């Protein structure tokens, strides 16, 4: 149950966290691969209608 905020997509949040971690550790290649995976998965979820309006803009 949510009291405040937007219900987040756990899969996308995990990819964002992984990308940020690699970026902060200066793992440029890994961060770029994670970012590509994040963009790809976001597009898949968006085209499948699995993201609500607030998740799309988060």
Protein backbone atom coordinates (compact mmCIF):
# COMPACT_ATOMS: atom_id res chain seq x y z
CA UNK A 1 0.00 0.00 0.00
CA UNK A 2 1.29 3.43 -0.94
CA UNK A 3 0.71 6.47 1.17
CA UNK A 4 2.84 9.03 -0.66
CA UNK A 5 4.50 9.32 -4.02
CA UNK A 6 4.51 7.24 -7.13
CA UNK A 7 4.47 3.48 -7.29
CA UNK A 8 7.85 2.75 -8.82
CA UNK A 9 8.79 0.04 -11.25
CA UNK A 10 11.27 -2.14 -9.35
CA UNK A 11 12.99 -3.42 -12.45
CA UNK A 12 13.70 0.07 -13.77
CA UNK A 13 14.75 1.29 -10.34
CA UNK A 14 17.29 -1.55 -10.10
CA UNK A 15 18.74 -0.63 -13.49
CA UNK A 16 18.94 3.03 -12.46
CA UNK A 17 20.73 2.11 -9.23
CA UNK A 18 23.19 -0.12 -11.04
CA UNK A 19 23.91 2.62 -13.59
CA UNK A 20 24.45 5.23 -10.86
CA UNK A 21 26.72 2.92 -8.89
CA UNK A 22 28.92 2.17 -11.90
CA UNK A 23 28.99 5.82 -12.86
CA UNK A 24 30.03 6.92 -9.37
CA UNK A 25 32.78 4.29 -9.33
CA UNK A 26 34.04 5.52 -12.72
CA UNK A 27 33.16 2.26 -14.47
CA UNK A 28 32.38 4.06 -17.71
CA UNK A 29 31.87 1.01 -19.95
CA UNK A 30 29.66 -0.78 -17.44
CA UNK A 31 27.64 2.39 -16.82
CA UNK A 32 27.09 2.84 -20.55
CA UNK A 33 25.94 -0.78 -20.92
CA UNK A 34 23.58 -0.36 -17.97
CA UNK A 35 22.20 2.84 -19.46
CA UNK A 36 21.54 1.12 -22.79
CA UNK A 37 19.78 -1.73 -20.97
CA UNK A 38 17.72 0.79 -19.00
CA UNK A 39 16.64 2.65 -22.14
CA UNK A 40 15.81 -0.58 -23.92
CA UNK A 41 13.74 -1.96 -21.03
CA UNK A 42 11.96 1.38 -20.55
CA UNK A 43 10.92 1.37 -24.21
CA UNK A 44 9.72 -2.24 -23.93
CA UNK A 45 7.61 -1.51 -20.85
CA UNK A 46 6.28 1.69 -22.38
CA UNK A 47 5.22 0.02 -25.63
CA UNK A 48 3.61 -2.84 -23.69
CA UNK A 49 1.58 -0.35 -21.64
CA UNK A 50 3.08 -1.50 -18.35
CA UNK A 51 3.95 2.00 -17.10
CA UNK A 52 1.37 4.44 -15.84
CA UNK A 53 1.57 8.16 -16.64
CA UNK A 54 3.47 9.08 -13.47
CA UNK A 55 5.99 6.28 -13.97
CA UNK A 56 6.62 7.52 -17.50
CA UNK A 57 7.61 10.97 -16.26
CA UNK A 58 9.49 9.85 -13.15
